[in-house]
Amino acid sequence: MSARETASAAWGVGMPEWVNALAEACDRTSQNRVAHQLGRSAARVSTVLRNSYAGNMARVEELVRGARMHETTTCPSLGEIERQVCSMWRDRAKKPNVVNS
């Protein structure tokens, strides 16, 4: 079964366009390759396609929209950037700085 067929079966007629884009990308290359491009595991991609991911689905959507659909956002510091790049910088900003002593 293709990723597109898997997603269609799990999401039904209301499947979001970003899930469709994710499934099509997996069918064009591989689930592992797409997961690597998103910086996430293949297992996470699989659960999203199967509509069974219990985590932050909006976060995955943001990554797919940026990396696979090339959507952008305006960053106050960096200007117009892809959404997944903005997410990466936000994640880094949340992590405490580690100072070597």
N, C-alpha and C. Protein backbone atom coordinates (compact mmCIF):
# COMPACT_ATOMS: atom_id res chain seq x y z
N MET A 1 0.85 -1.18 0.00
CA MET A 1 0.00 0.00 0.00
C MET A 1 0.90 1.24 0.00
N SER A 2 0.57 2.20 -0.80
CA SER A 2 1.35 3.44 -0.87
C SER A 2 1.07 4.31 0.35
N ALA A 3 1.94 5.26 0.59
CA ALA A 3 1.73 6.19 1.70
C ALA A 3 0.46 7.00 1.47
N ARG A 4 0.19 7.34 0.24
CA ARG A 4 -1.02 8.11 -0.10
C ARG A 4 -2.26 7.30 0.21
N GLU A 5 -2.24 6.01 -0.13
CA GLU A 5 -3.39 5.15 0.16
C GLU A 5 -3.57 4.97 1.67
N THR A 6 -2.46 4.82 2.38
CA THR A 6 -2.50 4.69 3.84
C THR A 6 -3.12 5.92 4.47
N ALA A 7 -2.66 7.10 4.04
CA ALA A 7 -3.17 8.35 4.59
C ALA A 7 -4.65 8.54 4.25
N SER A 8 -5.02 8.24 3.03
CA SER A 8 -6.42 8.38 2.61
C SER A 8 -7.33 7.50 3.44
N ALA A 9 -6.89 6.27 3.68
CA ALA A 9 -7.69 5.34 4.47
C ALA A 9 -7.84 5.83 5.92
N ALA A 10 -6.78 6.40 6.46
CA ALA A 10 -6.80 6.84 7.86
C ALA A 10 -7.51 8.17 8.06
N TRP A 11 -7.33 9.10 7.13
CA TRP A 11 -7.86 10.45 7.30
C TRP A 11 -9.22 10.64 6.64
N GLY A 12 -9.51 9.84 5.64
CA GLY A 12 -10.79 9.96 4.94
C GLY A 12 -10.82 11.18 4.01
N VAL A 13 -12.03 11.60 3.66
CA VAL A 13 -12.20 12.69 2.70
C VAL A 13 -11.72 14.03 3.24
N GLY A 14 -11.61 14.14 4.55
CA GLY A 14 -11.17 15.40 5.15
C GLY A 14 -9.66 15.48 5.35
N MET A 15 -8.90 14.65 4.64
CA MET A 15 -7.45 14.65 4.81
C MET A 15 -6.89 16.03 4.47
N PRO A 16 -6.14 16.63 5.40
CA PRO A 16 -5.56 17.95 5.14
C PRO A 16 -4.55 17.91 3.99
N GLU A 17 -4.42 19.04 3.32
CA GLU A 17 -3.50 19.11 2.18
C GLU A 17 -2.06 18.83 2.58
N TRP A 18 -1.68 19.21 3.80
CA TRP A 18 -0.31 18.98 4.22
C TRP A 18 -0.03 17.51 4.45
N VAL A 19 -1.03 16.74 4.88
CA VAL A 19 -0.86 15.28 5.03
C VAL A 19 -0.72 14.65 3.65
N ASN A 20 -1.50 15.14 2.71
CA ASN A 20 -1.39 14.66 1.33
C ASN A 20 0.02 14.94 0.79
N ALA A 21 0.54 16.14 1.05
CA ALA A 21 1.89 16.49 0.60
C ALA A 21 2.93 15.58 1.25
N LEU A 22 2.74 15.27 2.51
CA LEU A 22 3.65 14.37 3.22
C LEU A 22 3.61 12.98 2.60
N ALA A 23 2.43 12.47 2.36
CA ALA A 23 2.27 11.14 1.77
C ALA A 23 2.88 11.08 0.37
N GLU A 24 2.63 12.08 -0.43
CA GLU A 24 3.18 12.10 -1.79
C GLU A 24 4.71 12.15 -1.76
N ALA A 25 5.27 12.90 -0.83
CA ALA A 25 6.72 12.96 -0.70
C ALA A 25 7.28 11.59 -0.33
N CYS A 26 6.60 10.89 0.58
CA CYS A 26 7.04 9.55 0.97
C CYS A 26 6.97 8.58 -0.22
N ASP A 27 5.94 8.72 -1.03
CA ASP A 27 5.81 7.85 -2.21
C ASP A 27 6.87 8.15 -3.26
N ARG A 28 7.26 9.42 -3.38
CA ARG A 28 8.28 9.80 -4.37
C ARG A 28 9.68 9.33 -3.97
N THR A 29 9.97 9.37 -2.70
CA THR A 29 11.31 8.98 -2.24
C THR A 29 11.17 7.81 -1.27
N SER A 30 11.16 8.10 0.00
CA SER A 30 10.91 7.07 1.02
C SER A 30 10.50 7.77 2.31
N GLN A 31 9.84 7.02 3.14
CA GLN A 31 9.41 7.56 4.43
C GLN A 31 10.62 7.95 5.27
N ASN A 32 11.67 7.14 5.23
CA ASN A 32 12.88 7.45 5.99
C ASN A 32 13.52 8.74 5.51
N ARG A 33 13.59 8.94 4.22
CA ARG A 33 14.21 10.15 3.67
C ARG A 33 13.40 11.39 4.03
N VAL A 34 12.10 11.30 3.93
CA VAL A 34 11.24 12.44 4.28
C VAL A 34 11.36 12.75 5.77
N ALA A 35 11.37 11.71 6.59
CA ALA A 35 11.52 11.91 8.03
C ALA A 35 12.83 12.62 8.33
N HIS A 36 13.89 12.21 7.67
CA HIS A 36 15.19 12.85 7.88
C HIS A 36 15.14 14.33 7.48
N GLN A 37 14.49 14.63 6.37
CA GLN A 37 14.36 16.02 5.91
C GLN A 37 13.59 16.87 6.92
N LEU A 38 12.65 16.25 7.61
CA LEU A 38 11.84 16.97 8.61
C LEU A 38 12.52 17.00 9.97
N GLY A 39 13.58 16.22 10.13
CA GLY A 39 14.25 16.15 11.42
C GLY A 39 13.45 15.36 12.44
N ARG A 40 12.67 14.43 11.96
CA ARG A 40 11.83 13.60 12.80
C ARG A 40 12.05 12.14 12.44
N SER A 41 11.50 11.24 13.24
CA SER A 41 11.68 9.81 12.99
C SER A 41 10.68 9.31 11.94
N ALA A 42 11.06 8.20 11.30
CA ALA A 42 10.16 7.56 10.35
C ALA A 42 8.91 7.06 11.07
N ALA A 43 9.05 6.66 12.32
CA ALA A 43 7.89 6.21 13.11
C ALA A 43 6.89 7.35 13.29
N ARG A 44 7.40 8.56 13.52
CA ARG A 44 6.50 9.71 13.68
C ARG A 44 5.78 9.99 12.37
N VAL A 45 6.50 9.95 11.27
CA VAL A 45 5.86 10.16 9.96
C VAL A 45 4.78 9.11 9.75
N SER A 46 5.07 7.87 10.08
CA SER A 46 4.10 6.78 9.92
C SER A 46 2.84 7.03 10.74
N THR A 47 3.00 7.44 11.99
CA THR A 47 1.81 7.67 12.83
C THR A 47 1.01 8.88 12.35
N VAL A 48 1.68 9.87 11.79
CA VAL A 48 0.96 11.01 11.22
C VAL A 48 0.15 10.55 10.01
N LEU A 49 0.78 9.79 9.13
CA LEU A 49 0.07 9.29 7.94
C LEU A 49 -1.13 8.44 8.34
N ARG A 50 -1.00 7.71 9.44
CA ARG A 50 -2.08 6.83 9.91
C ARG A 50 -3.07 7.56 10.83
N ASN A 51 -2.86 8.86 11.00
CA ASN A 51 -3.74 9.69 11.84
C ASN A 51 -3.81 9.15 13.26
N SER A 52 -2.68 8.65 13.76
CA SER A 52 -2.67 8.12 15.12
C SER A 52 -1.57 8.77 15.97
N TYR A 53 -0.99 9.84 15.49
CA TYR A 53 0.06 10.52 16.24
C TYR A 53 -0.57 11.26 17.42
N ALA A 54 -0.09 10.98 18.62
CA ALA A 54 -0.67 11.56 19.83
C ALA A 54 0.03 12.84 20.26
N GLY A 55 1.08 13.20 19.56
CA GLY A 55 1.84 14.40 19.92
C GLY A 55 1.26 15.66 19.29
N ASN A 56 2.10 16.66 19.15
CA ASN A 56 1.69 17.96 18.64
C ASN A 56 1.60 17.92 17.12
N MET A 57 0.40 17.63 16.62
CA MET A 57 0.18 17.52 15.18
C MET A 57 0.40 18.86 14.49
N ALA A 58 0.10 19.96 15.17
CA ALA A 58 0.31 21.30 14.57
C ALA A 58 1.79 21.54 14.31
N ARG A 59 2.64 21.02 15.16
CA ARG A 59 4.09 21.17 14.98
C ARG A 59 4.55 20.40 13.74
N VAL A 60 4.03 19.19 13.56
CA VAL A 60 4.37 18.40 12.38
C VAL A 60 3.85 19.10 11.13
N GLU A 61 2.65 19.63 11.21
CA GLU A 61 2.09 20.37 10.08
C GLU A 61 3.00 21.52 9.67
N GLU A 62 3.48 22.26 10.65
CA GLU A 62 4.36 23.39 10.37
C GLU A 62 5.64 22.94 9.65
N LEU A 63 6.20 21.82 10.09
CA LEU A 63 7.41 21.30 9.46
C LEU A 63 7.14 20.88 8.01
N VAL A 64 6.02 20.21 7.79
CA VAL A 64 5.67 19.75 6.44
C VAL A 64 5.39 20.95 5.54
N ARG A 65 4.65 21.92 6.04
CA ARG A 65 4.32 23.09 5.22
C ARG A 65 5.59 23.85 4.81
N GLY A 66 6.57 23.90 5.69
CA GLY A 66 7.81 24.58 5.34
C GLY A 66 8.70 23.76 4.45
N ALA A 67 8.98 22.53 4.84
CA ALA A 67 9.95 21.69 4.13
C ALA A 67 9.40 21.10 2.84
N ARG A 68 8.14 20.70 2.82
CA ARG A 68 7.59 20.02 1.65
C ARG A 68 6.73 20.93 0.78
N MET A 69 6.09 21.95 1.39
CA MET A 69 5.20 22.81 0.62
C MET A 69 5.81 24.19 0.40
N HIS A 70 6.98 24.39 0.95
CA HIS A 70 7.77 25.61 0.77
C HIS A 70 7.03 26.88 1.19
N GLU A 71 6.21 26.75 2.22
CA GLU A 71 5.53 27.93 2.77
C GLU A 71 6.52 28.71 3.62
N THR A 72 6.35 30.01 3.65
CA THR A 72 7.26 30.87 4.39
C THR A 72 6.51 31.65 5.46
N THR A 73 7.28 32.28 6.31
CA THR A 73 6.75 33.15 7.35
C THR A 73 7.71 34.32 7.50
N THR A 74 7.25 35.38 8.09
CA THR A 74 8.11 36.53 8.30
C THR A 74 8.66 36.49 9.72
N CYS A 75 9.97 36.40 9.80
CA CYS A 75 10.67 36.38 11.08
C CYS A 75 11.12 37.80 11.39
N PRO A 76 10.91 38.29 12.62
CA PRO A 76 11.34 39.65 12.95
C PRO A 76 12.84 39.88 12.78
N SER A 77 13.63 38.82 12.98
CA SER A 77 15.08 38.97 12.89
C SER A 77 15.65 38.59 11.53
N LEU A 78 15.07 37.55 10.91
CA LEU A 78 15.64 37.00 9.69
C LEU A 78 14.87 37.33 8.42
N GLY A 79 13.71 37.96 8.55
CA GLY A 79 12.91 38.28 7.36
C GLY A 79 12.09 37.08 6.91
N GLU A 80 11.86 36.97 5.62
CA GLU A 80 11.04 35.90 5.04
C GLU A 80 11.85 34.60 5.01
N ILE A 81 11.38 33.58 5.76
CA ILE A 81 12.07 32.30 5.81
C ILE A 81 11.06 31.17 5.76
N GLU A 82 11.52 29.96 5.40
CA GLU A 82 10.62 28.80 5.38
C GLU A 82 10.18 28.48 6.80
N ARG A 83 8.97 27.98 6.93
CA ARG A 83 8.37 27.76 8.24
C ARG A 83 9.18 26.80 9.12
N GLN A 84 9.76 25.76 8.52
CA GLN A 84 10.51 24.82 9.34
C GLN A 84 11.81 25.43 9.85
N VAL A 85 12.37 26.40 9.14
CA VAL A 85 13.57 27.10 9.61
C VAL A 85 13.21 27.96 10.81
N CYS A 86 12.07 28.62 10.75
CA CYS A 86 11.59 29.41 11.88
C CYS A 86 11.40 28.51 13.10
N SER A 87 10.81 27.33 12.89
CA SER A 87 10.60 26.39 13.98
C SER A 87 11.92 25.96 14.60
N MET A 88 12.91 25.71 13.75
CA MET A 88 14.21 25.29 14.25
C MET A 88 14.80 26.37 15.16
N TRP A 89 14.73 27.62 14.73
CA TRP A 89 15.28 28.71 15.54
C TRP A 89 14.49 28.90 16.83
N ARG A 90 13.18 28.73 16.78
CA ARG A 90 12.37 28.82 18.01
C ARG A 90 12.75 27.73 18.99
N ASP A 91 12.94 26.50 18.46
CA ASP A 91 13.34 25.38 19.33
C ASP A 91 14.69 25.65 19.98
N ARG A 92 15.63 26.16 19.22
CA ARG A 92 16.95 26.46 19.76
C ARG A 92 16.87 27.55 20.83
N ALA A 93 16.01 28.51 20.63
CA ALA A 93 15.87 29.60 21.59
C ALA A 93 15.29 29.12 22.92
N LYS A 94 14.50 28.05 22.88
CA LYS A 94 13.91 27.52 24.10
C LYS A 94 14.90 26.74 24.95
N LYS A 95 15.95 26.22 24.34
CA LYS A 95 16.93 25.42 25.06
C LYS A 95 17.88 26.35 25.84
N PRO A 96 18.15 26.00 27.08
CA PRO A 96 19.06 26.84 27.85
C PRO A 96 20.49 26.76 27.29
N ASN A 97 21.19 27.88 27.34
CA ASN A 97 22.58 27.89 26.89
C ASN A 97 23.42 27.13 27.90
N VAL A 98 24.31 26.32 27.38
CA VAL A 98 25.21 25.56 28.24
C VAL A 98 26.57 26.23 28.20
N VAL A 99 27.07 26.57 29.37
CA VAL A 99 28.37 27.24 29.45
C VAL A 99 29.37 26.23 29.96
N ASN A 100 30.47 26.06 29.22
CA ASN A 100 31.52 25.16 29.66
C ASN A 100 32.34 25.83 30.73
N SER A 101 32.56 25.14 31.85
CA SER A 101 33.37 25.73 32.92
C SER A 101 34.69 25.02 33.04
